[in-house]
Amino acid sequence: MTDDFAPRPLALTTADGLSLEAELAIPPQAHAAVVLCHPHPQQGGNMASLVTSELFRSLPESGLAVLRFNFRGVGNSEGSHEFGIGEAIDIVAAIDAITTECPLLPIFVSGWSFGADTSLSIVDPRIAAWIACAPPLRILPLDELTAAAGNDPRPKLLIVPEHDQFRNPAAAIEATTSWTNTTVVMVAGADHFFVGRTSKVSKLVVDFIASQATT
């Protein structure tokens, strides 16, 4: 990440009164904004986790403003883990913040693993589209995700590793067969953690956002 869009710290305030630590990077002439949601807090996930860090580093190079944050109870964020329920409130706080910082930009929400499932439970009207990286589709009940983002007409991209340990591509397609406007893309050779393939994830995210600008 160059000095032209070096990240700066940001404090988010949730609807239930918690302060969350976050970072924001806005490149010159940004054309869209992305909220990044990290993997499972109870399994070591935080905003510095591999895929989240790679997207935070690389997306501004493609003209995307990006905000990453720690869910409640992680790092210096207040509160405690709430099994995807309270964390949905945290994502709305992140959307609030990036809307304030980038009021004219379309907002995309991109989560990895736990962050993917939790983001799919949000149907905030400010979201242009969802990008779910290795979604287990089981952190919250699948029928709840189907009733939320799944049934929403806005676009959804599911980036699923070929060898995902929790929900492989065939299982992801089967689980989301009733979902509207949903694309499942497989990352060949990858497992749930995308080691060695984070650049492929970044390209898929960038290309998907660019495709939405032309539709």
C-alpha atoms as a PDB file:
ATOM      1  CA  MET A   1       0.000   0.000   0.000  1.00  0.00           C
ATOM      2  CA  THR A   2       1.558   3.318  -1.036  1.00  0.00           C
ATOM      3  CA  ASP A   3       1.712   6.535   0.972  1.00  0.00           C
ATOM      4  CA  ASP A   4      -0.921   8.019  -1.340  1.00  0.00           C
ATOM      5  CA  PHE A   5      -3.563   6.004   0.478  1.00  0.00           C
ATOM      6  CA  ALA A   6      -1.908   4.959   3.712  1.00  0.00           C
ATOM      7  CA  PRO A   7      -4.478   3.630   6.172  1.00  0.00           C
ATOM      8  CA  ARG A   8      -5.617   5.638   9.153  1.00  0.00           C
ATOM      9  CA  PRO A   9      -7.229   4.439  12.363  1.00  0.00           C
ATOM     10  CA  LEU A  10     -10.932   4.888  12.859  1.00  0.00           C
ATOM     11  CA  ALA A  11     -13.284   4.232  15.777  1.00  0.00           C
ATOM     12  CA  LEU A  12     -16.690   2.759  14.988  1.00  0.00           C
ATOM     13  CA  THR A  13     -19.679   3.157  17.284  1.00  0.00           C
ATOM     14  CA  THR A  14     -22.291   0.421  17.246  1.00  0.00           C
ATOM     15  CA  ALA A  15     -26.020   0.854  17.763  1.00  0.00           C
ATOM     16  CA  ASP A  16     -25.668  -0.838  21.154  1.00  0.00           C
ATOM     17  CA  GLY A  17     -22.958   1.564  22.283  1.00  0.00           C
ATOM     18  CA  LEU A  18     -19.696  -0.268  21.710  1.00  0.00           C
ATOM     19  CA  SER A  19     -16.510   1.230  20.288  1.00  0.00           C
ATOM     20  CA  LEU A  20     -14.758  -0.890  17.662  1.00  0.00           C
ATOM     21  CA  GLU A  21     -11.263  -0.413  16.302  1.00  0.00           C
ATOM     22  CA  ALA A  22     -10.967  -0.037  12.548  1.00  0.00           C
ATOM     23  CA  GLU A  23      -8.707   1.146   9.765  1.00  0.00           C
ATOM     24  CA  LEU A  24      -9.660   3.006   6.610  1.00  0.00           C
ATOM     25  CA  ALA A  25      -7.797   3.578   3.354  1.00  0.00           C
ATOM     26  CA  ILE A  26      -9.197   5.824   0.621  1.00  0.00           C
ATOM     27  CA  PRO A  27      -7.249   6.122  -2.639  1.00  0.00           C
ATOM     28  CA  PRO A  28      -7.531   9.215  -4.845  1.00  0.00           C
ATOM     29  CA  GLN A  29     -10.573   9.087  -7.110  1.00  0.00           C
ATOM     30  CA  ALA A  30     -12.005   5.991  -5.444  1.00  0.00           C
ATOM     31  CA  HIS A  31     -14.949   4.573  -7.394  1.00  0.00           C
ATOM     32  CA  ALA A  32     -16.384   2.183  -4.789  1.00  0.00           C
ATOM     33  CA  ALA A  33     -16.014   1.327  -1.111  1.00  0.00           C
ATOM     34  CA  VAL A  34     -15.607  -2.070   0.548  1.00  0.00           C
ATOM     35  CA  VAL A  35     -16.233  -3.159   4.140  1.00  0.00           C
ATOM     36  CA  LEU A  36     -14.113  -6.171   5.131  1.00  0.00           C
ATOM     37  CA  CYS A  37     -15.367  -8.642   7.757  1.00  0.00           C
ATOM     38  CA  HIS A  38     -12.799 -10.973   9.317  1.00  0.00           C
ATOM     39  CA  PRO A  39     -12.962 -14.702  10.206  1.00  0.00           C
ATOM     40  CA  HIS A  40     -14.075 -16.338  13.446  1.00  0.00           C
ATOM     41  CA  PRO A  41     -13.007 -14.438  16.587  1.00  0.00           C
ATOM     42  CA  GLN A  42     -12.990 -17.622  18.661  1.00  0.00           C
ATOM     43  CA  GLN A  43     -10.537 -19.229  16.251  1.00  0.00           C
ATOM     44  CA  GLY A  44      -8.046 -16.375  16.186  1.00  0.00           C
ATOM     45  CA  GLY A  45      -9.703 -14.315  13.477  1.00  0.00           C
ATOM     46  CA  ASN A  46      -9.139 -10.558  13.435  1.00  0.00           C
ATOM     47  CA  MET A  47      -8.799  -7.722  10.953  1.00  0.00           C
ATOM     48  CA  ALA A  48      -5.149  -8.676  10.344  1.00  0.00           C
ATOM     49  CA  SER A  49      -6.029 -12.225   9.227  1.00  0.00           C
ATOM     50  CA  LEU A  50      -4.628 -13.369   5.889  1.00  0.00           C
ATOM     51  CA  VAL A  51      -7.379 -12.735   3.334  1.00  0.00           C
ATOM     52  CA  THR A  52      -8.656  -9.623   5.126  1.00  0.00           C
ATOM     53  CA  SER A  53      -5.143  -8.167   5.190  1.00  0.00           C
ATOM     54  CA  GLU A  54      -4.502  -8.944   1.528  1.00  0.00           C
ATOM     55  CA  LEU A  55      -7.734  -7.269   0.439  1.00  0.00           C
ATOM     56  CA  PHE A  56      -7.048  -4.256   2.658  1.00  0.00           C
ATOM     57  CA  ARG A  57      -3.588  -3.940   1.110  1.00  0.00           C
ATOM     58  CA  SER A  58      -4.477  -4.569  -2.518  1.00  0.00           C
ATOM     59  CA  LEU A  59      -7.933  -3.128  -3.147  1.00  0.00           C
ATOM     60  CA  PRO A  60      -6.907   0.544  -2.884  1.00  0.00           C
ATOM     61  CA  GLU A  61      -4.458  -0.102  -5.720  1.00  0.00           C
ATOM     62  CA  SER A  62      -7.533  -0.693  -7.886  1.00  0.00           C
ATOM     63  CA  GLY A  63      -9.317   2.491  -6.809  1.00  0.00           C
ATOM     64  CA  LEU A  64     -11.363   1.021  -3.987  1.00  0.00           C
ATOM     65  CA  ALA A  65     -11.778   2.617  -0.583  1.00  0.00           C
ATOM     66  CA  VAL A  66     -11.587  -0.064   2.073  1.00  0.00           C
ATOM     67  CA  LEU A  67     -12.464  -0.341   5.759  1.00  0.00           C
ATOM     68  CA  ARG A  68     -11.503  -3.232   8.008  1.00  0.00           C
ATOM     69  CA  PHE A  69     -12.446  -3.561  11.653  1.00  0.00           C
ATOM     70  CA  ASN A  70     -12.296  -5.899  14.611  1.00  0.00           C
ATOM     71  CA  PHE A  71     -15.565  -7.449  15.662  1.00  0.00           C
ATOM     72  CA  ARG A  72     -16.704  -6.898  19.245  1.00  0.00           C
ATOM     73  CA  GLY A  73     -14.407  -8.516  21.766  1.00  0.00           C
ATOM     74  CA  VAL A  74     -11.467  -8.723  19.342  1.00  0.00           C
ATOM     75  CA  GLY A  75      -8.280  -6.687  19.788  1.00  0.00           C
ATOM     76  CA  ASN A  76      -9.164  -3.261  21.132  1.00  0.00           C
ATOM     77  CA  SER A  77     -12.834  -3.508  20.227  1.00  0.00           C
ATOM     78  CA  GLU A  78     -15.198  -3.392  23.167  1.00  0.00           C
ATOM     79  CA  GLY A  79     -17.736  -6.064  24.041  1.00  0.00           C
ATOM     80  CA  SER A  80     -17.612  -9.843  23.741  1.00  0.00           C
ATOM     81  CA  HIS A  81     -18.318 -12.455  21.115  1.00  0.00           C
ATOM     82  CA  GLU A  82     -22.022 -12.866  20.273  1.00  0.00           C
ATOM     83  CA  PHE A  83     -22.054 -15.769  17.798  1.00  0.00           C
ATOM     84  CA  GLY A  84     -22.889 -13.687  14.727  1.00  0.00           C
ATOM     85  CA  ILE A  85     -25.821 -11.807  16.235  1.00  0.00           C
ATOM     86  CA  GLY A  86     -24.034  -8.841  17.789  1.00  0.00           C
ATOM     87  CA  GLU A  87     -21.461  -8.979  15.019  1.00  0.00           C
ATOM     88  CA  ALA A  88     -24.198  -8.117  12.513  1.00  0.00           C
ATOM     89  CA  ILE A  89     -24.625  -4.865  14.430  1.00  0.00           C
ATOM     90  CA  ASP A  90     -20.874  -4.306  14.072  1.00  0.00           C
ATOM     91  CA  ILE A  91     -21.097  -4.607  10.289  1.00  0.00           C
ATOM     92  CA  VAL A  92     -23.842  -1.981  10.190  1.00  0.00           C
ATOM     93  CA  ALA A  93     -21.567   0.318  12.222  1.00  0.00           C
ATOM     94  CA  ALA A  94     -18.858  -0.205   9.605  1.00  0.00           C
ATOM     95  CA  ILE A  95     -21.328   0.619   6.842  1.00  0.00           C
ATOM     96  CA  ASP A  96     -22.312   3.756   8.764  1.00  0.00           C
ATOM     97  CA  ALA A  97     -18.675   4.842   8.970  1.00  0.00           C
ATOM     98  CA  ILE A  98     -17.739   4.227   5.362  1.00  0.00           C
ATOM     99  CA  THR A  99     -20.940   5.926   4.206  1.00  0.00           C
ATOM    100  CA  THR A 100     -19.896   9.001   6.192  1.00  0.00           C
ATOM    101  CA  GLU A 101     -16.361   8.896   4.823  1.00  0.00           C
ATOM    102  CA  CYS A 102     -17.340   8.082   1.226  1.00  0.00           C
ATOM    103  CA  PRO A 103     -20.920   9.313   0.850  1.00  0.00           C
ATOM    104  CA  LEU A 104     -21.095   9.111  -2.941  1.00  0.00           C
ATOM    105  CA  LEU A 105     -19.591   5.661  -3.436  1.00  0.00           C
ATOM    106  CA  PRO A 106     -21.413   2.334  -3.831  1.00  0.00           C
ATOM    107  CA  ILE A 107     -20.716   0.087  -0.846  1.00  0.00           C
ATOM    108  CA  PHE A 108     -19.764  -3.577  -1.090  1.00  0.00           C
ATOM    109  CA  VAL A 109     -19.507  -5.890   1.908  1.00  0.00           C
ATOM    110  CA  SER A 110     -16.878  -8.618   1.707  1.00  0.00           C
ATOM    111  CA  GLY A 111     -16.435 -11.181   4.464  1.00  0.00           C
ATOM    112  CA  TRP A 112     -14.213 -14.209   4.883  1.00  0.00           C
ATOM    113  CA  SER A 113     -15.515 -17.355   6.629  1.00  0.00           C
ATOM    114  CA  PHE A 114     -17.375 -16.213   9.792  1.00  0.00           C
ATOM    115  CA  GLY A 115     -17.319 -12.697   8.350  1.00  0.00           C
ATOM    116  CA  ALA A 116     -18.852 -13.973   5.119  1.00  0.00           C
ATOM    117  CA  ASP A 117     -21.778 -15.664   6.824  1.00  0.00           C
ATOM    118  CA  THR A 118     -22.379 -12.747   9.154  1.00  0.00           C
ATOM    119  CA  SER A 119     -22.351 -10.258   6.300  1.00  0.00           C
ATOM    120  CA  LEU A 120     -24.925 -12.354   4.408  1.00  0.00           C
ATOM    121  CA  SER A 121     -27.322 -11.836   7.316  1.00  0.00           C
ATOM    122  CA  ILE A 122     -27.347  -8.071   6.654  1.00  0.00           C
ATOM    123  CA  VAL A 123     -29.835  -6.549   4.206  1.00  0.00           C
ATOM    124  CA  ASP A 124     -28.952  -2.904   4.768  1.00  0.00           C
ATOM    125  CA  PRO A 125     -30.276  -0.823   1.847  1.00  0.00           C
ATOM    126  CA  ARG A 126     -26.890   0.858   1.412  1.00  0.00           C
ATOM    127  CA  ILE A 127     -25.223  -2.368   0.292  1.00  0.00           C
ATOM    128  CA  ALA A 128     -24.638  -2.583  -3.461  1.00  0.00           C
ATOM    129  CA  ALA A 129     -23.610  -6.263  -3.359  1.00  0.00           C
ATOM    130  CA  TRP A 130     -22.165  -8.981  -1.146  1.00  0.00           C
ATOM    131  CA  ILE A 131     -18.865 -10.802  -1.663  1.00  0.00           C
ATOM    132  CA  ALA A 132     -18.555 -13.913   0.504  1.00  0.00           C
ATOM    133  CA  CYS A 133     -15.136 -15.599   0.637  1.00  0.00           C
ATOM    134  CA  ALA A 134     -15.269 -19.242   1.782  1.00  0.00           C
ATOM    135  CA  PRO A 135     -18.681 -18.890   3.424  1.00  0.00           C
ATOM    136  CA  PRO A 136     -19.421 -21.902   5.671  1.00  0.00           C
ATOM    137  CA  LEU A 137     -23.148 -21.099   5.356  1.00  0.00           C
ATOM    138  CA  ARG A 138     -23.646 -22.480   8.847  1.00  0.00           C
ATOM    139  CA  ILE A 139     -22.462 -19.829  11.348  1.00  0.00           C
ATOM    140  CA  LEU A 140     -26.050 -18.633  11.363  1.00  0.00           C
ATOM    141  CA  PRO A 141     -28.875 -20.931  10.236  1.00  0.00           C
ATOM    142  CA  LEU A 142     -28.892 -21.336   6.464  1.00  0.00           C
ATOM    143  CA  ASP A 143     -32.583 -20.484   6.268  1.00  0.00           C
ATOM    144  CA  GLU A 144     -31.851 -17.156   7.944  1.00  0.00           C
ATOM    145  CA  LEU A 145     -29.145 -16.352   5.376  1.00  0.00           C
ATOM    146  CA  THR A 146     -31.529 -17.399   2.595  1.00  0.00           C
ATOM    147  CA  ALA A 147     -34.238 -15.115   3.969  1.00  0.00           C
ATOM    148  CA  ALA A 148     -31.727 -12.249   4.203  1.00  0.00           C
ATOM    149  CA  ALA A 149     -29.176 -11.812   1.400  1.00  0.00           C
ATOM    150  CA  GLY A 150     -30.251 -14.998  -0.347  1.00  0.00           C
ATOM    151  CA  ASN A 151     -33.677 -13.701  -1.277  1.00  0.00           C
ATOM    152  CA  ASP A 152     -32.486 -10.158  -1.928  1.00  0.00           C
ATOM    153  CA  PRO A 153     -32.304  -9.189  -5.609  1.00  0.00           C
ATOM    154  CA  ARG A 154     -28.948  -7.447  -5.237  1.00  0.00           C
ATOM    155  CA  PRO A 155     -25.845  -9.299  -6.559  1.00  0.00           C
ATOM    156  CA  LYS A 156     -23.950 -11.836  -4.505  1.00  0.00           C
ATOM    157  CA  LEU A 157     -20.568 -13.402  -5.301  1.00  0.00           C
ATOM    158  CA  LEU A 158     -19.497 -16.503  -3.391  1.00  0.00           C
ATOM    159  CA  ILE A 159     -15.775 -17.246  -3.744  1.00  0.00           C
ATOM    160  CA  VAL A 160     -15.407 -20.882  -2.704  1.00  0.00           C
ATOM    161  CA  PRO A 161     -12.117 -22.811  -2.426  1.00  0.00           C
ATOM    162  CA  GLU A 162     -11.963 -26.074  -4.363  1.00  0.00           C
ATOM    163  CA  HIS A 163     -10.969 -27.966  -1.209  1.00  0.00           C
ATOM    164  CA  ASP A 164     -12.837 -25.951   1.411  1.00  0.00           C
ATOM    165  CA  GLN A 165     -13.073 -27.942   4.633  1.00  0.00           C
ATOM    166  CA  PHE A 166     -16.442 -26.490   5.630  1.00  0.00           C
ATOM    167  CA  ARG A 167     -18.464 -25.948   2.434  1.00  0.00           C
ATOM    168  CA  ASN A 168     -16.983 -27.043  -0.897  1.00  0.00           C
ATOM    169  CA  PRO A 169     -18.157 -25.578  -4.222  1.00  0.00           C
ATOM    170  CA  ALA A 170     -20.713 -28.302  -4.968  1.00  0.00           C
ATOM    171  CA  ALA A 171     -22.180 -27.993  -1.481  1.00  0.00           C
ATOM    172  CA  ALA A 172     -22.231 -24.200  -1.724  1.00  0.00           C
ATOM    173  CA  ILE A 173     -24.087 -24.354  -5.036  1.00  0.00           C
ATOM    174  CA  GLU A 174     -26.592 -26.815  -3.600  1.00  0.00           C
ATOM    175  CA  ALA A 175     -27.138 -24.708  -0.462  1.00  0.00           C
ATOM    176  CA  THR A 176     -27.767 -21.535  -2.477  1.00  0.00           C
ATOM    177  CA  THR A 177     -29.733 -22.975  -5.383  1.00  0.00           C
ATOM    178  CA  SER A 178     -32.782 -20.886  -4.445  1.00  0.00           C
ATOM    179  CA  TRP A 179     -30.809 -17.664  -3.972  1.00  0.00           C
ATOM    180  CA  THR A 180     -31.394 -14.790  -6.359  1.00  0.00           C
ATOM    181  CA  ASN A 181     -28.678 -13.105  -8.433  1.00  0.00           C
ATOM    182  CA  THR A 182     -25.937 -15.311  -6.942  1.00  0.00           C
ATOM    183  CA  THR A 183     -22.693 -16.424  -8.584  1.00  0.00           C
ATOM    184  CA  VAL A 184     -20.438 -19.131  -7.126  1.00  0.00           C
ATOM    185  CA  VAL A 185     -16.814 -19.087  -8.302  1.00  0.00           C
ATOM    186  CA  MET A 186     -14.331 -21.815  -7.396  1.00  0.00           C
ATOM    187  CA  VAL A 187     -10.699 -21.073  -6.568  1.00  0.00           C
ATOM    188  CA  ALA A 188      -8.778 -24.076  -7.855  1.00  0.00           C
ATOM    189  CA  GLY A 189      -6.353 -25.763  -5.488  1.00  0.00           C
ATOM    190  CA  ALA A 190      -7.337 -23.636  -2.493  1.00  0.00           C
ATOM    191  CA  ASP A 191      -8.606 -24.703   0.890  1.00  0.00           C
ATOM    192  CA  HIS A 192     -10.586 -22.606   3.372  1.00  0.00           C
ATOM    193  CA  PHE A 193      -7.591 -20.408   4.178  1.00  0.00           C
ATOM    194  CA  PHE A 194      -6.582 -19.480   0.596  1.00  0.00           C
ATOM    195  CA  VAL A 195      -2.863 -19.772   1.431  1.00  0.00           C
ATOM    196  CA  GLY A 196      -0.893 -18.899  -1.690  1.00  0.00           C
ATOM    197  CA  ARG A 197      -4.063 -17.810  -3.512  1.00  0.00           C
ATOM    198  CA  THR A 198      -5.001 -14.528  -1.876  1.00  0.00           C
ATOM    199  CA  SER A 199      -4.050 -12.620  -5.024  1.00  0.00           C
ATOM    200  CA  LYS A 200      -6.652 -14.665  -6.919  1.00  0.00           C
ATOM    201  CA  VAL A 201      -9.274 -13.713  -4.334  1.00  0.00           C
ATOM    202  CA  SER A 202      -8.315 -10.060  -4.687  1.00  0.00           C
ATOM    203  CA  LYS A 203      -8.641 -10.192  -8.477  1.00  0.00           C
ATOM    204  CA  LEU A 204     -12.065 -11.828  -8.237  1.00  0.00           C
ATOM    205  CA  VAL A 205     -13.228  -9.106  -5.840  1.00  0.00           C
ATOM    206  CA  VAL A 206     -11.886  -6.299  -8.028  1.00  0.00           C
ATOM    207  CA  ASP A 207     -13.339  -7.780 -11.211  1.00  0.00           C
ATOM    208  CA  PHE A 208     -16.738  -8.358  -9.608  1.00  0.00           C
ATOM    209  CA  ILE A 209     -16.962  -4.775  -8.351  1.00  0.00           C
ATOM    210  CA  ALA A 210     -15.904  -3.483 -11.762  1.00  0.00           C
ATOM    211  CA  SER A 211     -18.615  -5.606 -13.407  1.00  0.00           C
ATOM    212  CA  GLN A 212     -21.272  -4.060 -11.171  1.00  0.00           C
ATOM    213  CA  ALA A 213     -20.277  -0.589 -12.325  1.00  0.00           C
ATOM    214  CA  THR A 214     -21.112  -1.565 -15.899  1.00  0.00           C
ATOM    215  CA  THR A 215     -24.479  -3.232 -15.218  1.00  0.00           C
END
